Amino acid sequence: MRALLVLIGLAALVVAGLMATGMMTLQTTPGSLPSLHLDGGKAPAVKANVATISVGTENRSIDVPTVTTTSKTITVPTVTMDKPAQPGNTQ
């Protein structure tokens, strides 16, 4: 496998050397893409019967619940923290 890769590499070097010295030239002609012509055709036709929708507003009387708040005094838990004295501070 390595021998085959070495042979291909040597052949590429020989071709590059021949082209660099002018002993070998390659003649190329520019190519072109094939031309494509599209004529005719028609999109499919679709007919659909759909419902009509009307959007609007009207006034009606409905029952709406009301919320009230009252203030009561109750006992709630509290948390207090006494920080330790800093070293060097004498208060």
Protein backbone atom coordinates (compact mmCIF):
# COMPACT_ATOMS: atom_id res chain seq x y z
CA MET A 1 0.00 0.00 0.00
CA ARG A 2 2.82 2.39 0.88
CA ALA A 3 4.65 1.50 -2.32
CA LEU A 4 1.59 2.46 -4.36
CA LEU A 5 1.33 5.81 -2.59
CA VAL A 6 5.06 6.42 -3.15
CA LEU A 7 4.68 5.67 -6.88
CA ILE A 8 1.70 8.03 -7.19
CA GLY A 9 3.64 10.76 -5.35
CA LEU A 10 6.70 10.30 -7.60
CA ALA A 11 4.50 10.43 -10.72
CA ALA A 12 2.95 13.69 -9.49
CA LEU A 13 6.43 15.15 -8.90
CA VAL A 14 7.58 14.11 -12.38
CA VAL A 15 4.52 15.69 -14.02
CA ALA A 16 4.97 18.89 -11.99
CA GLY A 17 8.68 19.00 -12.97
CA LEU A 18 7.90 18.49 -16.67
CA MET A 19 5.30 21.25 -16.60
CA ALA A 20 7.63 23.63 -14.74
CA THR A 21 10.41 23.17 -17.29
CA GLY A 22 8.07 23.56 -20.26
CA MET A 23 8.62 20.03 -21.52
CA MET A 24 4.96 19.25 -21.01
CA THR A 25 1.93 21.49 -21.61
CA LEU A 26 -1.72 20.88 -21.08
CA GLN A 27 -4.25 22.32 -23.50
CA THR A 28 -7.65 22.98 -22.04
CA THR A 29 -10.85 24.34 -23.49
CA PRO A 30 -13.42 26.07 -21.35
CA GLY A 31 -16.57 24.12 -20.64
CA SER A 32 -20.15 25.29 -20.30
CA LEU A 33 -23.19 24.16 -18.47
CA PRO A 34 -26.02 22.59 -20.44
CA SER A 35 -28.83 24.94 -21.38
CA LEU A 36 -32.31 24.29 -20.15
CA HIS A 37 -35.50 25.76 -21.58
CA LEU A 38 -38.79 25.59 -19.70
CA ASP A 39 -42.00 26.50 -21.47
CA GLY A 40 -45.65 26.17 -20.51
CA GLY A 41 -46.98 24.62 -17.38
CA LYS A 42 -49.83 25.63 -15.14
CA ALA A 43 -50.34 25.66 -11.42
CA PRO A 44 -53.17 23.47 -10.11
CA ALA A 45 -56.47 25.23 -9.43
CA VAL A 46 -58.20 24.73 -6.09
CA LYS A 47 -61.64 25.92 -5.07
CA ALA A 48 -62.77 25.68 -1.46
CA ASN A 49 -66.04 26.59 0.21
CA VAL A 50 -65.23 27.96 3.65
CA ALA A 51 -67.40 29.35 6.41
CA THR A 52 -67.51 33.07 7.11
CA ILE A 53 -66.57 34.21 10.58
CA SER A 54 -67.80 37.43 12.16
CA VAL A 55 -65.99 38.91 15.14
CA GLY A 56 -67.61 41.54 17.31
CA THR A 57 -68.68 42.52 20.82
CA GLU A 58 -71.96 42.73 22.70
CA ASN A 59 -72.96 43.88 26.18
CA ARG A 60 -74.25 41.30 28.68
CA SER A 61 -74.73 41.25 32.45
CA ILE A 62 -72.73 38.57 34.27
CA ASP A 63 -71.92 37.86 37.95
CA VAL A 64 -68.36 38.85 38.86
CA PRO A 65 -66.93 37.84 42.26
CA THR A 66 -65.35 40.61 44.32
CA VAL A 67 -62.41 40.23 46.66
CA THR A 68 -61.93 42.34 49.77
CA THR A 69 -59.08 42.50 52.24
CA THR A 70 -59.10 43.39 55.92
CA SER A 71 -56.23 44.06 58.36
CA LYS A 72 -55.91 41.76 61.39
CA THR A 73 -53.17 41.57 64.03
CA ILE A 74 -51.70 38.09 64.35
CA THR A 75 -48.53 36.60 65.85
CA VAL A 76 -45.88 35.67 63.28
CA PRO A 77 -42.53 33.98 63.82
CA THR A 78 -39.40 36.14 63.76
CA VAL A 79 -35.70 35.36 63.35
CA THR A 80 -32.95 37.54 64.78
CA MET A 81 -29.20 37.22 64.47
CA ASP A 82 -26.49 38.67 66.71
CA LYS A 83 -23.22 39.01 64.80
CA PRO A 84 -20.05 38.13 66.76
CA ALA A 85 -17.69 40.99 67.59
CA GLN A 86 -14.85 41.57 65.12
CA PRO A 87 -11.38 40.86 66.52
CA GLY A 88 -9.61 44.13 67.32
CA ASN A 89 -12.85 46.10 67.69
CA THR A 90 -13.73 46.95 71.25
CA GLN A 91 -17.06 48.57 71.58
